[in-house]
Amino acid sequence: MISFRLTEEEHERFRQLCFTHGLRSVSELARVAMNQYFEQPARISQDAVESRVVELENRLRLLSIEIQKISSHTNLRPFPVRRFSTT
């Protein structure tokens, strides 16, 4: 058994939801809601994904600038890219 506290306003709102959806009690509403929550895969909104990608791109850009600064101060040159023939 799981129990949790509700304000009077929350309890009344949940009772109204029960009536609207044909559920017998707030307990049944909580049980149905929890089952639906765990049956559905986690969904991330497209906006959240795009926002995170933009944030990561900005961080990579800043990291690249910092690496360039360090390289210029230490006179380091990037390693040459070796190309291997497949023949």
Protein backbone atom coordinates (compact mmCIF):
# COMPACT_ATOMS: atom_id res chain seq x y z
CA MET A 1 0.00 0.00 0.00
CA ILE A 2 1.21 3.48 -0.88
CA SER A 3 -0.18 6.63 0.66
CA PHE A 4 0.40 10.31 0.00
CA ARG A 5 -1.09 13.56 1.18
CA LEU A 6 -3.26 15.83 -0.90
CA THR A 7 -4.55 19.29 -0.22
CA GLU A 8 -8.33 19.64 -0.10
CA GLU A 9 -8.20 21.37 -3.48
CA GLU A 10 -6.12 18.56 -5.03
CA HIS A 11 -8.44 15.91 -3.60
CA GLU A 12 -11.51 17.67 -4.98
CA ARG A 13 -9.85 18.12 -8.39
CA PHE A 14 -8.94 14.40 -8.46
CA ARG A 15 -12.48 13.44 -7.42
CA GLN A 16 -13.77 15.48 -10.37
CA LEU A 17 -11.32 13.66 -12.68
CA CYS A 18 -12.60 10.35 -11.35
CA PHE A 19 -16.19 11.35 -12.12
CA THR A 20 -15.22 12.60 -15.59
CA HIS A 21 -13.32 9.40 -16.47
CA GLY A 22 -15.68 6.95 -14.79
CA LEU A 23 -13.26 5.86 -12.08
CA ARG A 24 -14.53 4.68 -8.69
CA SER A 25 -12.05 6.49 -6.45
CA VAL A 26 -8.97 8.65 -6.18
CA SER A 27 -7.07 5.45 -5.37
CA GLU A 28 -8.11 3.97 -8.71
CA LEU A 29 -7.12 7.21 -10.45
CA ALA A 30 -3.67 7.05 -8.84
CA ARG A 31 -3.29 3.37 -9.76
CA VAL A 32 -4.29 3.97 -13.40
CA ALA A 33 -2.02 7.02 -13.66
CA MET A 34 0.99 5.17 -12.23
CA ASN A 35 0.44 2.17 -14.52
CA GLN A 36 0.20 4.42 -17.57
CA TYR A 37 3.30 6.33 -16.48
CA PHE A 38 5.41 3.17 -16.26
CA GLU A 39 4.02 1.57 -19.43
CA GLN A 40 4.91 4.51 -21.68
CA PRO A 41 8.51 5.09 -22.72
CA ALA A 42 10.05 8.34 -21.60
CA ARG A 43 9.35 11.07 -24.12
CA ILE A 44 11.52 14.06 -24.65
CA SER A 45 10.06 16.94 -26.58
CA GLN A 46 11.62 17.93 -29.89
CA ASP A 47 12.23 21.42 -28.48
CA ALA A 48 14.14 19.99 -25.52
CA VAL A 49 16.33 17.89 -27.83
CA GLU A 50 17.01 20.84 -30.14
CA SER A 51 17.83 23.07 -27.18
CA ARG A 52 20.27 20.50 -25.82
CA VAL A 53 21.95 20.07 -29.22
CA VAL A 54 22.39 23.85 -29.54
CA GLU A 55 23.87 23.97 -26.04
CA LEU A 56 26.33 21.17 -26.86
CA GLU A 57 27.30 22.83 -30.14
CA ASN A 58 28.04 26.06 -28.28
CA ARG A 59 30.15 24.22 -25.73
CA LEU A 60 32.10 22.47 -28.49
CA ARG A 61 32.68 25.81 -30.21
CA LEU A 62 34.03 27.31 -26.96
CA LEU A 63 36.20 24.27 -26.38
CA SER A 64 37.62 24.57 -29.88
CA ILE A 65 38.44 28.25 -29.28
CA GLU A 66 40.19 27.40 -26.02
CA ILE A 67 42.21 24.64 -27.70
CA GLN A 68 43.27 27.09 -30.42
CA LYS A 69 44.36 29.61 -27.77
CA ILE A 70 46.41 27.00 -25.94
CA SER A 71 47.95 25.80 -29.20
CA SER A 72 48.94 29.31 -30.23
CA HIS A 73 50.53 30.04 -26.83
CA THR A 74 52.55 26.85 -26.80
CA ASN A 75 53.41 26.84 -30.51
CA LEU A 76 51.95 23.37 -30.84
CA ARG A 77 51.00 22.19 -34.26
CA PRO A 78 48.35 19.59 -34.85
CA PHE A 79 49.56 16.14 -35.73
CA PRO A 80 49.65 15.52 -39.45
CA VAL A 81 46.95 13.23 -40.72
CA ARG A 82 48.37 10.05 -42.11
CA ARG A 83 46.64 8.53 -45.03
CA PHE A 84 46.96 4.84 -45.59
CA SER A 85 46.50 3.36 -49.01
CA THR A 86 44.27 0.38 -49.36
CA THR A 87 46.13 -1.00 -52.34
